[in-house]
Amino acid sequence: RGNVAVHTGEECVDFAGSHIGRDHACAGNLLAAPGIWDSMSRSFEAAE
């Protein structure tokens, strides 16, 4: 139905986090920079 949920444990290695958008969610951990999940979401929404 497009409902989304994300769990990021408090001991996941930074940078770790997620972005929930309409009909999708992006997340990562042990990443090189914060906000990578936001960039992924924007690209998914803009892509055709």
ModelCIF file with pLDDT and N, C-alpha, C, O atoms, coordinates in Angstrom:
data_MODEL
#
_entry.id   MODEL 
#
_entity.id                         1 
_entity.type                       polymer 
_entity.pdbx_number_of_molecules   1 
#
_entity_poly.entity_id                      1 
_entity_poly.type                           'polypeptide(L)' 
_entity_poly.nstd_linkage                   no 
_entity_poly.nstd_monomer                   no 
_entity_poly.pdbx_seq_one_letter_code       RGNVAVHTGEECVDFAGSHIGRDHACAGNLLAAPGIWDSMSRSFEAAE 
_entity_poly.pdbx_seq_one_letter_code_can   RGNVAVHTGEECVDFAGSHIGRDHACAGNLLAAPGIWDSMSRSFEAAE 
_entity_poly.pdbx_strand_id                 A 
#
loop_
_entity_poly_seq.entity_id 
_entity_poly_seq.num 
_entity_poly_seq.mon_id 
_entity_poly_seq.hetero 
1 1  ARG n 
1 2  GLY n 
1 3  ASN n 
1 4  VAL n 
1 5  ALA n 
1 6  VAL n 
1 7  HIS n 
1 8  THR n 
1 9  GLY n 
1 10 GLU n 
1 11 GLU n 
1 12 CYS n 
1 13 VAL n 
1 14 ASP n 
1 15 PHE n 
1 16 ALA n 
1 17 GLY n 
1 18 SER n 
1 19 HIS n 
1 20 ILE n 
1 21 GLY n 
1 22 ARG n 
1 23 ASP n 
1 24 HIS n 
1 25 ALA n 
1 26 CYS n 
1 27 ALA n 
1 28 GLY n 
1 29 ASN n 
1 30 LEU n 
1 31 LEU n 
1 32 ALA n 
1 33 ALA n 
1 34 PRO n 
1 35 GLY n 
1 36 ILE n 
1 37 TRP n 
1 38 ASP n 
1 39 SER n 
1 40 MET n 
1 41 SER n 
1 42 ARG n 
1 43 SER n 
1 44 PHE n 
1 45 GLU n 
1 46 ALA n 
1 47 ALA n 
1 48 GLU n 
#
_struct_asym.id          A 
_struct_asym.entity_id   1 
#
loop_
_ma_qa_metric.id 
_ma_qa_metric.mode 
_ma_qa_metric.name 
_ma_qa_metric.software_group_id 
_ma_qa_metric.type 
1 global pLDDT . pLDDT 
2 local  pLDDT . pLDDT 
#
_ma_qa_metric_global.metric_id      1 
_ma_qa_metric_global.metric_value   96.94 
_ma_qa_metric_global.model_id       1 
_ma_qa_metric_global.ordinal_id     1 
#
loop_
_ma_qa_metric_local.label_asym_id 
_ma_qa_metric_local.label_comp_id 
_ma_qa_metric_local.label_seq_id 
_ma_qa_metric_local.metric_id 
_ma_qa_metric_local.metric_value 
_ma_qa_metric_local.model_id 
_ma_qa_metric_local.ordinal_id 
A ARG 1  2 96.00 1 1  
A GLY 2  2 96.00 1 2  
A ASN 3  2 97.00 1 3  
A VAL 4  2 98.00 1 4  
A ALA 5  2 98.00 1 5  
A VAL 6  2 98.00 1 6  
A HIS 7  2 98.00 1 7  
A THR 8  2 98.00 1 8  
A GLY 9  2 97.00 1 9  
A GLU 10 2 97.00 1 10 
A GLU 11 2 96.00 1 11 
A CYS 12 2 96.00 1 12 
A VAL 13 2 94.00 1 13 
A ASP 14 2 93.00 1 14 
A PHE 15 2 96.00 1 15 
A ALA 16 2 97.00 1 16 
A GLY 17 2 97.00 1 17 
A SER 18 2 98.00 1 18 
A HIS 19 2 98.00 1 19 
A ILE 20 2 98.00 1 20 
A GLY 21 2 97.00 1 21 
A ARG 22 2 96.00 1 22 
A ASP 23 2 97.00 1 23 
A HIS 24 2 98.00 1 24 
A ALA 25 2 98.00 1 25 
A CYS 26 2 98.00 1 26 
A ALA 27 2 98.00 1 27 
A GLY 28 2 97.00 1 28 
A ASN 29 2 97.00 1 29 
A LEU 30 2 95.00 1 30 
A LEU 31 2 96.00 1 31 
A ALA 32 2 96.00 1 32 
A ALA 33 2 96.00 1 33 
A PRO 34 2 96.00 1 34 
A GLY 35 2 95.00 1 35 
A ILE 36 2 97.00 1 36 
A TRP 37 2 98.00 1 37 
A ASP 38 2 98.00 1 38 
A SER 39 2 98.00 1 39 
A MET 40 2 98.00 1 40 
A SER 41 2 98.00 1 41 
A ARG 42 2 98.00 1 42 
A SER 43 2 98.00 1 43 
A PHE 44 2 98.00 1 44 
A GLU 45 2 97.00 1 45 
A ALA 46 2 97.00 1 46 
A ALA 47 2 97.00 1 47 
A GLU 48 2 95.00 1 48 
#
loop_
_atom_site.group_PDB 
_atom_site.id 
_atom_site.type_symbol 
_atom_site.label_atom_id 
_atom_site.label_alt_id 
_atom_site.label_comp_id 
_atom_site.label_asym_id 
_atom_site.label_entity_id 
_atom_site.label_seq_id 
_atom_site.pdbx_PDB_ins_code 
_atom_site.Cartn_x 
_atom_site.Cartn_y 
_atom_site.Cartn_z 
_atom_site.occupancy 
_atom_site.B_iso_or_equiv 
_atom_site.pdbx_formal_charge 
_atom_site.auth_seq_id 
_atom_site.auth_comp_id 
_atom_site.auth_asym_id 
_atom_site.auth_atom_id 
_atom_site.pdbx_PDB_model_num 
ATOM 1   N N  . ARG A 1 1  ? 0.821  -1.221 0.000   1.00 96.00 ? 1  ARG A N  1 
ATOM 2   C CA . ARG A 1 1  ? 0.000  0.000  0.000   1.00 96.00 ? 1  ARG A CA 1 
ATOM 3   C C  . ARG A 1 1  ? 0.847  1.260  0.000   1.00 96.00 ? 1  ARG A C  1 
ATOM 4   O O  . ARG A 1 1  ? 0.321  2.372  -0.043  1.00 96.00 ? 1  ARG A O  1 
ATOM 5   N N  . GLY A 1 2  ? 2.156  1.081  0.048   1.00 96.00 ? 2  GLY A N  1 
ATOM 6   C CA . GLY A 1 2  ? 3.062  2.227  0.046   1.00 96.00 ? 2  GLY A CA 1 
ATOM 7   C C  . GLY A 1 2  ? 3.433  2.739  1.410   1.00 96.00 ? 2  GLY A C  1 
ATOM 8   O O  . GLY A 1 2  ? 4.129  3.749  1.515   1.00 96.00 ? 2  GLY A O  1 
ATOM 9   N N  . ASN A 1 3  ? 2.984  2.067  2.479   1.00 97.00 ? 3  ASN A N  1 
ATOM 10  C CA . ASN A 1 3  ? 3.392  2.445  3.829   1.00 97.00 ? 3  ASN A CA 1 
ATOM 11  C C  . ASN A 1 3  ? 4.853  2.075  4.042   1.00 97.00 ? 3  ASN A C  1 
ATOM 12  O O  . ASN A 1 3  ? 5.293  1.002  3.627   1.00 97.00 ? 3  ASN A O  1 
ATOM 13  N N  . VAL A 1 4  ? 5.599  2.955  4.683   1.00 98.00 ? 4  VAL A N  1 
ATOM 14  C CA . VAL A 1 4  ? 7.037  2.759  4.842   1.00 98.00 ? 4  VAL A CA 1 
ATOM 15  C C  . VAL A 1 4  ? 7.427  2.873  6.309   1.00 98.00 ? 4  VAL A C  1 
ATOM 16  O O  . VAL A 1 4  ? 6.841  3.651  7.061   1.00 98.00 ? 4  VAL A O  1 
ATOM 17  N N  . ALA A 1 5  ? 8.413  2.097  6.704   1.00 98.00 ? 5  ALA A N  1 
ATOM 18  C CA . ALA A 1 5  ? 8.969  2.178  8.054   1.00 98.00 ? 5  ALA A CA 1 
ATOM 19  C C  . ALA A 1 5  ? 10.463 1.896  7.997   1.00 98.00 ? 5  ALA A C  1 
ATOM 20  O O  . ALA A 1 5  ? 10.923 1.097  7.181   1.00 98.00 ? 5  ALA A O  1 
ATOM 21  N N  . VAL A 1 6  ? 11.215 2.557  8.868   1.00 98.00 ? 6  VAL A N  1 
ATOM 22  C CA . VAL A 1 6  ? 12.668 2.384  8.912   1.00 98.00 ? 6  VAL A CA 1 
ATOM 23  C C  . VAL A 1 6  ? 13.128 2.289  10.358  1.00 98.00 ? 6  VAL A C  1 
ATOM 24  O O  . VAL A 1 6  ? 12.650 3.020  11.225  1.00 98.00 ? 6  VAL A O  1 
ATOM 25  N N  . HIS A 1 7  ? 14.054 1.387  10.604  1.00 98.00 ? 7  HIS A N  1 
ATOM 26  C CA . HIS A 1 7  ? 14.708 1.301  11.911  1.00 98.00 ? 7  HIS A CA 1 
ATOM 27  C C  . HIS A 1 7  ? 16.201 1.505  11.706  1.00 98.00 ? 7  HIS A C  1 
ATOM 28  O O  . HIS A 1 7  ? 16.830 0.790  10.926  1.00 98.00 ? 7  HIS A O  1 
ATOM 29  N N  . THR A 1 8  ? 16.767 2.482  12.409  1.00 98.00 ? 8  THR A N  1 
ATOM 30  C CA . THR A 1 8  ? 18.214 2.683  12.437  1.00 98.00 ? 8  THR A CA 1 
ATOM 31  C C  . THR A 1 8  ? 18.647 2.590  13.884  1.00 98.00 ? 8  THR A C  1 
ATOM 32  O O  . THR A 1 8  ? 18.386 3.497  14.674  1.00 98.00 ? 8  THR A O  1 
ATOM 33  N N  . GLY A 1 9  ? 19.305 1.499  14.236  1.00 97.00 ? 9  GLY A N  1 
ATOM 34  C CA . GLY A 1 9  ? 19.727 1.305  15.620  1.00 97.00 ? 9  GLY A CA 1 
ATOM 35  C C  . GLY A 1 9  ? 20.710 2.357  16.082  1.00 97.00 ? 9  GLY A C  1 
ATOM 36  O O  . GLY A 1 9  ? 21.483 2.891  15.286  1.00 97.00 ? 9  GLY A O  1 
ATOM 37  N N  . GLU A 1 10 ? 20.679 2.657  17.383  1.00 97.00 ? 10 GLU A N  1 
ATOM 38  C CA . GLU A 1 10 ? 21.522 3.730  17.911  1.00 97.00 ? 10 GLU A CA 1 
ATOM 39  C C  . GLU A 1 10 ? 23.007 3.405  17.843  1.00 97.00 ? 10 GLU A C  1 
ATOM 40  O O  . GLU A 1 10 ? 23.837 4.302  17.991  1.00 97.00 ? 10 GLU A O  1 
ATOM 41  N N  . GLU A 1 11 ? 23.362 2.137  17.623  1.00 96.00 ? 11 GLU A N  1 
ATOM 42  C CA . GLU A 1 11 ? 24.770 1.786  17.508  1.00 96.00 ? 11 GLU A CA 1 
ATOM 43  C C  . GLU A 1 11 ? 25.217 1.579  16.066  1.00 96.00 ? 11 GLU A C  1 
ATOM 44  O O  . GLU A 1 11 ? 26.335 1.123  15.830  1.00 96.00 ? 11 GLU A O  1 
ATOM 45  N N  . CYS A 1 12 ? 24.366 1.905  15.102  1.00 96.00 ? 12 CYS A N  1 
ATOM 46  C CA . CYS A 1 12 ? 24.804 1.899  13.710  1.00 96.00 ? 12 CYS A CA 1 
ATOM 47  C C  . CYS A 1 12 ? 25.881 2.970  13.547  1.00 96.00 ? 12 CYS A C  1 
ATOM 48  O O  . CYS A 1 12 ? 25.786 4.049  14.132  1.00 96.00 ? 12 CYS A O  1 
ATOM 49  N N  . VAL A 1 13 ? 26.898 2.666  12.753  1.00 94.00 ? 13 VAL A N  1 
ATOM 50  C CA . VAL A 1 13 ? 28.049 3.557  12.655  1.00 94.00 ? 13 VAL A CA 1 
ATOM 51  C C  . VAL A 1 13 ? 27.724 4.772  11.797  1.00 94.00 ? 13 VAL A C  1 
ATOM 52  O O  . VAL A 1 13 ? 27.183 4.640  10.699  1.00 94.00 ? 13 VAL A O  1 
ATOM 53  N N  . ASP A 1 14 ? 28.057 5.960  12.306  1.00 93.00 ? 14 ASP A N  1 
ATOM 54  C CA . ASP A 1 14 ? 27.857 7.180  11.530  1.00 93.00 ? 14 ASP A CA 1 
ATOM 55  C C  . ASP A 1 14 ? 28.757 7.187  10.282  1.00 93.00 ? 14 ASP A C  1 
ATOM 56  O O  . ASP A 1 14 ? 29.832 6.589  10.273  1.00 93.00 ? 14 ASP A O  1 
ATOM 57  N N  . PHE A 1 15 ? 28.304 7.858  9.261   1.00 96.00 ? 15 PHE A N  1 
ATOM 58  C CA . PHE A 1 15 ? 27.024 8.549  9.198   1.00 96.00 ? 15 PHE A CA 1 
ATOM 59  C C  . PHE A 1 15 ? 25.919 7.548  8.887   1.00 96.00 ? 15 PHE A C  1 
ATOM 60  O O  . PHE A 1 15 ? 26.027 6.748  7.958   1.00 96.00 ? 15 PHE A O  1 
ATOM 61  N N  . ALA A 1 16 ? 24.853 7.609  9.684   1.00 97.00 ? 16 ALA A N  1 
ATOM 62  C CA . ALA A 1 16 ? 23.751 6.666  9.517   1.00 97.00 ? 16 ALA A CA 1 
ATOM 63  C C  . ALA A 1 16 ? 22.438 7.413  9.674   1.00 97.00 ? 16 ALA A C  1 
ATOM 64  O O  . ALA A 1 16 ? 22.292 8.259  10.556  1.00 97.00 ? 16 ALA A O  1 
ATOM 65  N N  . GLY A 1 17 ? 21.488 7.093  8.812   1.00 97.00 ? 17 GLY A N  1 
ATOM 66  C CA . GLY A 1 17 ? 20.192 7.739  8.904   1.00 97.00 ? 17 GLY A CA 1 
ATOM 67  C C  . GLY A 1 17 ? 19.305 7.336  7.755   1.00 97.00 ? 17 GLY A C  1 
ATOM 68  O O  . GLY A 1 17 ? 19.643 6.443  6.978   1.00 97.00 ? 17 GLY A O  1 
ATOM 69  N N  . SER A 1 18 ? 18.164 7.999  7.645   1.00 98.00 ? 18 SER A N  1 
ATOM 70  C CA . SER A 1 18 ? 17.204 7.611  6.612   1.00 98.00 ? 18 SER A CA 1 
ATOM 71  C C  . SER A 1 18 ? 16.320 8.783  6.218   1.00 98.00 ? 18 SER A C  1 
ATOM 72  O O  . SER A 1 18 ? 16.243 9.791  6.920   1.00 98.00 ? 18 SER A O  1 
ATOM 73  N N  . HIS A 1 19 ? 15.672 8.632  5.110   1.00 98.00 ? 19 HIS A N  1 
ATOM 74  C CA . HIS A 1 19 ? 14.706 9.622  4.616   1.00 98.00 ? 19 HIS A CA 1 
ATOM 75  C C  . HIS A 1 19 ? 13.497 8.859  4.103   1.00 98.00 ? 19 HIS A C  1 
ATOM 76  O O  . HIS A 1 19 ? 13.619 7.989  3.240   1.00 98.00 ? 19 HIS A O  1 
ATOM 77  N N  . ILE A 1 20 ? 12.336 9.189  4.636   1.00 98.00 ? 20 ILE A N  1 
ATOM 78  C CA . ILE A 1 20 ? 11.095 8.566  4.193   1.00 98.00 ? 20 ILE A CA 1 
ATOM 79  C C  . ILE A 1 20 ? 10.345 9.546  3.305   1.00 98.00 ? 20 ILE A C  1 
ATOM 80  O O  . ILE A 1 20 ? 10.021 10.659 3.720   1.00 98.00 ? 20 ILE A O  1 
ATOM 81  N N  . GLY A 1 21 ? 10.075 9.118  2.081   1.00 97.00 ? 21 GLY A N  1 
ATOM 82  C CA . GLY A 1 21 ? 9.313  9.928  1.150   1.00 97.00 ? 21 GLY A CA 1 
ATOM 83  C C  . GLY A 1 21 ? 8.060  9.189  0.713   1.00 97.00 ? 21 GLY A C  1 
ATOM 84  O O  . GLY A 1 21 ? 7.740  8.122  1.237   1.00 97.00 ? 21 GLY A O  1 
ATOM 85  N N  . ARG A 1 22 ? 7.369  9.753  -0.230  1.00 96.00 ? 22 ARG A N  1 
ATOM 86  C CA . ARG A 1 22 ? 6.151  9.122  -0.721  1.00 96.00 ? 22 ARG A CA 1 
ATOM 87  C C  . ARG A 1 22 ? 6.483  7.843  -1.486  1.00 96.00 ? 22 ARG A C  1 
ATOM 88  O O  . ARG A 1 22 ? 7.210  7.880  -2.479  1.00 96.00 ? 22 ARG A O  1 
ATOM 89  N N  . ASP A 1 23 ? 5.960  6.736  -1.032  1.00 97.00 ? 23 ASP A N  1 
ATOM 90  C CA . ASP A 1 23 ? 6.158  5.430  -1.676  1.00 97.00 ? 23 ASP A CA 1 
ATOM 91  C C  . ASP A 1 23 ? 7.614  4.980  -1.721  1.00 97.00 ? 23 ASP A C  1 
ATOM 92  O O  . ASP A 1 23 ? 7.969  4.157  -2.565  1.00 97.00 ? 23 ASP A O  1 
ATOM 93  N N  . HIS A 1 24 ? 8.458  5.493  -0.844  1.00 98.00 ? 24 HIS A N  1 
ATOM 94  C CA . HIS A 1 24 ? 9.844  5.015  -0.828  1.00 98.00 ? 24 HIS A CA 1 
ATOM 95  C C  . HIS A 1 24 ? 10.535 5.426  0.463   1.00 98.00 ? 24 HIS A C  1 
ATOM 96  O O  . HIS A 1 24 ? 10.064 6.302  1.189   1.00 98.00 ? 24 HIS A O  1 
ATOM 97  N N  . ALA A 1 25 ? 11.647 4.782  0.730   1.00 98.00 ? 25 ALA A N  1 
ATOM 98  C CA . ALA A 1 25 ? 12.526 5.172  1.831   1.00 98.00 ? 25 ALA A CA 1 
ATOM 99  C C  . ALA A 1 25 ? 13.957 4.877  1.429   1.00 98.00 ? 25 ALA A C  1 
ATOM 100 O O  . ALA A 1 25 ? 14.235 3.870  0.778   1.00 98.00 ? 25 ALA A O  1 
ATOM 101 N N  . CYS A 1 26 ? 14.864 5.760  1.820   1.00 98.00 ? 26 CYS A N  1 
ATOM 102 C CA . CYS A 1 26 ? 16.291 5.586  1.549   1.00 98.00 ? 26 CYS A CA 1 
ATOM 103 C C  . CYS A 1 26 ? 17.028 5.610  2.888   1.00 98.00 ? 26 CYS A C  1 
ATOM 104 O O  . CYS A 1 26 ? 16.645 6.352  3.793   1.00 98.00 ? 26 CYS A O  1 
ATOM 105 N N  . ALA A 1 27 ? 18.068 4.813  3.016   1.00 98.00 ? 27 ALA A N  1 
ATOM 106 C CA . ALA A 1 27 ? 18.802 4.779  4.274   1.00 98.00 ? 27 ALA A CA 1 
ATOM 107 C C  . ALA A 1 27 ? 20.213 4.274  4.041   1.00 98.00 ? 27 ALA A C  1 
ATOM 108 O O  . ALA A 1 27 ? 20.506 3.647  3.023   1.00 98.00 ? 27 ALA A O  1 
ATOM 109 N N  . GLY A 1 28 ? 21.075 4.555  4.994   1.00 97.00 ? 28 GLY A N  1 
ATOM 110 C CA . GLY A 1 28 ? 22.441 4.061  4.914   1.00 97.00 ? 28 GLY A CA 1 
ATOM 111 C C  . GLY A 1 28 ? 23.127 4.153  6.255   1.00 97.00 ? 28 GLY A C  1 
ATOM 112 O O  . GLY A 1 28 ? 22.645 4.821  7.170   1.00 97.00 ? 28 GLY A O  1 
ATOM 113 N N  . ASN A 1 29 ? 24.258 3.477  6.365   1.00 97.00 ? 29 ASN A N  1 
ATOM 114 C CA . ASN A 1 29 ? 25.066 3.518  7.572   1.00 97.00 ? 29 ASN A CA 1 
ATOM 115 C C  . ASN A 1 29 ? 26.520 3.368  7.184   1.00 97.00 ? 29 ASN A C  1 
ATOM 116 O O  . ASN A 1 29 ? 26.826 2.846  6.112   1.00 97.00 ? 29 ASN A O  1 
ATOM 117 N N  . LEU A 1 30 ? 27.418 3.818  8.038   1.00 95.00 ? 30 LEU A N  1 
ATOM 118 C CA . LEU A 1 30 ? 28.853 3.842  7.753   1.00 95.00 ? 30 LEU A CA 1 
ATOM 119 C C  . LEU A 1 30 ? 29.121 4.563  6.427   1.00 95.00 ? 30 LEU A C  1 
ATOM 120 O O  . LEU A 1 30 ? 29.921 4.111  5.607   1.00 95.00 ? 30 LEU A O  1 
ATOM 121 N N  . LEU A 1 31 ? 28.438 5.684  6.241   1.00 96.00 ? 31 LEU A N  1 
ATOM 122 C CA . LEU A 1 31 ? 28.555 6.432  4.996   1.00 96.00 ? 31 LEU A CA 1 
ATOM 123 C C  . LEU A 1 31 ? 29.593 7.548  5.119   1.00 96.00 ? 31 LEU A C  1 
ATOM 124 O O  . LEU A 1 31 ? 30.002 7.919  6.219   1.00 96.00 ? 31 LEU A O  1 
ATOM 125 N N  . ALA A 1 32 ? 30.008 8.072  3.970   1.00 96.00 ? 32 ALA A N  1 
ATOM 126 C CA . ALA A 1 32 ? 31.078 9.060  3.935   1.00 96.00 ? 32 ALA A CA 1 
ATOM 127 C C  . ALA A 1 32 ? 30.621 10.455 4.331   1.00 96.00 ? 32 ALA A C  1 
ATOM 128 O O  . ALA A 1 32 ? 31.443 11.311 4.657   1.00 96.00 ? 32 ALA A O  1 
ATOM 129 N N  . ALA A 1 33 ? 29.302 10.689 4.303   1.00 96.00 ? 33 ALA A N  1 
ATOM 130 C CA . ALA A 1 33 ? 28.793 12.022 4.603   1.00 96.00 ? 33 ALA A CA 1 
ATOM 131 C C  . ALA A 1 33 ? 27.365 11.917 5.104   1.00 96.00 ? 33 ALA A C  1 
ATOM 132 O O  . ALA A 1 33 ? 26.687 10.929 4.823   1.00 96.00 ? 33 ALA A O  1 
ATOM 133 N N  . PRO A 1 34 ? 26.895 12.914 5.841   1.00 96.00 ? 34 PRO A N  1 
ATOM 134 C CA . PRO A 1 34 ? 25.497 12.914 6.270   1.00 96.00 ? 34 PRO A CA 1 
ATOM 135 C C  . PRO A 1 34 ? 24.589 13.325 5.113   1.00 96.00 ? 34 PRO A C  1 
ATOM 136 O O  . PRO A 1 34 ? 25.031 13.978 4.167   1.00 96.00 ? 34 PRO A O  1 
ATOM 137 N N  . GLY A 1 35 ? 23.328 12.940 5.199   1.00 95.00 ? 35 GLY A N  1 
ATOM 138 C CA . GLY A 1 35 ? 22.350 13.394 4.212   1.00 95.00 ? 35 GLY A CA 1 
ATOM 139 C C  . GLY A 1 35 ? 22.381 12.682 2.885   1.00 95.00 ? 35 GLY A C  1 
ATOM 140 O O  . GLY A 1 35 ? 21.676 13.092 1.963   1.00 95.00 ? 35 GLY A O  1 
ATOM 141 N N  . ILE A 1 36 ? 23.172 11.626 2.744   1.00 97.00 ? 36 ILE A N  1 
ATOM 142 C CA . ILE A 1 36 ? 23.211 10.881 1.487   1.00 97.00 ? 36 ILE A CA 1 
ATOM 143 C C  . ILE A 1 36 ? 21.835 10.323 1.170   1.00 97.00 ? 36 ILE A C  1 
ATOM 144 O O  . ILE A 1 36 ? 21.426 10.273 0.010   1.00 97.00 ? 36 ILE A O  1 
ATOM 145 N N  . TRP A 1 37 ? 21.120 9.901  2.213   1.00 98.00 ? 37 TRP A N  1 
ATOM 146 C CA . TRP A 1 37 ? 19.769 9.362  2.026   1.00 98.00 ? 37 TRP A CA 1 
ATOM 147 C C  . TRP A 1 37 ? 18.816 10.415 1.469   1.00 98.00 ? 37 TRP A C  1 
ATOM 148 O O  . TRP A 1 37 ? 17.873 10.084 0.750   1.00 98.00 ? 37 TRP A O  1 
ATOM 149 N N  . ASP A 1 38 ? 19.060 11.685 1.802   1.00 98.00 ? 38 ASP A N  1 
ATOM 150 C CA . ASP A 1 38 ? 18.227 12.761 1.260   1.00 98.00 ? 38 ASP A CA 1 
ATOM 151 C C  . ASP A 1 38 ? 18.473 12.930 -0.241  1.00 98.00 ? 38 ASP A C  1 
ATOM 152 O O  . ASP A 1 38 ? 17.533 13.104 -1.016  1.00 98.00 ? 38 ASP A O  1 
ATOM 153 N N  . SER A 1 39 ? 19.735 12.879 -0.637  1.00 98.00 ? 39 SER A N  1 
ATOM 154 C CA . SER A 1 39 ? 20.082 12.993 -2.061  1.00 98.00 ? 39 SER A CA 1 
ATOM 155 C C  . SER A 1 39 ? 19.458 11.852 -2.854  1.00 98.00 ? 39 SER A C  1 
ATOM 156 O O  . SER A 1 39 ? 18.947 12.058 -3.955  1.00 98.00 ? 39 SER A O  1 
ATOM 157 N N  . MET A 1 40 ? 19.503 10.656 -2.292  1.00 98.00 ? 40 MET A N  1 
ATOM 158 C CA . MET A 1 40 ? 18.909 9.499  -2.971  1.00 98.00 ? 40 MET A CA 1 
ATOM 159 C C  . MET A 1 40 ? 17.412 9.700  -3.183  1.00 98.00 ? 40 MET A C  1 
ATOM 160 O O  . MET A 1 40 ? 16.885 9.415  -4.258  1.00 98.00 ? 40 MET A O  1 
ATOM 161 N N  . SER A 1 41 ? 16.738 10.191 -2.152  1.00 98.00 ? 41 SER A N  1 
ATOM 162 C CA . SER A 1 41 ? 15.300 10.398 -2.243  1.00 98.00 ? 41 SER A CA 1 
ATOM 163 C C  . SER A 1 41 ? 14.951 11.430 -3.311  1.00 98.00 ? 41 SER A C  1 
ATOM 164 O O  . SER A 1 41 ? 14.028 11.228 -4.099  1.00 98.00 ? 41 SER A O  1 
ATOM 165 N N  . ARG A 1 42 ? 15.690 12.530 -3.332  1.00 98.00 ? 42 ARG A N  1 
ATOM 166 C CA . ARG A 1 42 ? 15.414 13.562 -4.332  1.00 98.00 ? 42 ARG A CA 1 
ATOM 167 C C  . ARG A 1 42 ? 15.591 13.017 -5.745  1.00 98.00 ? 42 ARG A C  1 
ATOM 168 O O  . ARG A 1 42 ? 14.787 13.311 -6.630  1.00 98.00 ? 42 ARG A O  1 
ATOM 169 N N  . SER A 1 43 ? 16.630 12.233 -5.957  1.00 98.00 ? 43 SER A N  1 
ATOM 170 C CA . SER A 1 43 ? 16.870 11.679 -7.285  1.00 98.00 ? 43 SER A CA 1 
ATOM 171 C C  . SER A 1 43 ? 15.798 10.681 -7.685  1.00 98.00 ? 43 SER A C  1 
ATOM 172 O O  . SER A 1 43 ? 15.367 10.649 -8.838  1.00 98.00 ? 43 SER A O  1 
ATOM 173 N N  . PHE A 1 44 ? 15.368 9.865  -6.729  1.00 98.00 ? 44 PHE A N  1 
ATOM 174 C CA . PHE A 1 44 ? 14.307 8.899  -7.031  1.00 98.00 ? 44 PHE A CA 1 
ATOM 175 C C  . PHE A 1 44 ? 13.033 9.628  -7.428  1.00 98.00 ? 44 PHE A C  1 
ATOM 176 O O  . PHE A 1 44 ? 12.369 9.236  -8.388  1.00 98.00 ? 44 PHE A O  1 
ATOM 177 N N  . GLU A 1 45 ? 12.690 10.669 -6.711  1.00 97.00 ? 45 GLU A N  1 
ATOM 178 C CA . GLU A 1 45 ? 11.454 11.402 -6.993  1.00 97.00 ? 45 GLU A CA 1 
ATOM 179 C C  . GLU A 1 45 ? 11.534 12.155 -8.319  1.00 97.00 ? 45 GLU A C  1 
ATOM 180 O O  . GLU A 1 45 ? 10.520 12.318 -8.998  1.00 97.00 ? 45 GLU A O  1 
ATOM 181 N N  . ALA A 1 46 ? 12.720 12.613 -8.692  1.00 97.00 ? 46 ALA A N  1 
ATOM 182 C CA . ALA A 1 46 ? 12.880 13.387 -9.922  1.00 97.00 ? 46 ALA A CA 1 
ATOM 183 C C  . ALA A 1 46 ? 13.053 12.518 -11.158 1.00 97.00 ? 46 ALA A C  1 
ATOM 184 O O  . ALA A 1 46 ? 12.783 12.964 -12.274 1.00 97.00 ? 46 ALA A O  1 
ATOM 185 N N  . ALA A 1 47 ? 13.503 11.277 -10.969 1.00 97.00 ? 47 ALA A N  1 
ATOM 186 C CA . ALA A 1 47 ? 13.813 10.410 -12.105 1.00 97.00 ? 47 ALA A CA 1 
ATOM 187 C C  . ALA A 1 47 ? 12.552 9.994  -12.850 1.00 97.00 ? 47 ALA A C  1 
ATOM 188 O O  . ALA A 1 47 ? 11.467 9.915  -12.273 1.00 97.00 ? 47 ALA A O  1 
ATOM 189 N N  . GLU A 1 48 ? 12.716 9.732  -14.134 1.00 95.00 ? 48 GLU A N  1 
ATOM 190 C CA . GLU A 1 48 ? 11.625 9.240  -14.965 1.00 95.00 ? 48 GLU A CA 1 
ATOM 191 C C  . GLU A 1 48 ? 11.951 7.828  -15.440 1.00 95.00 ? 48 GLU A C  1 
ATOM 192 O O  . GLU A 1 48 ? 11.159 7.220  -16.160 1.00 95.00 ? 48 GLU A O  1 
#
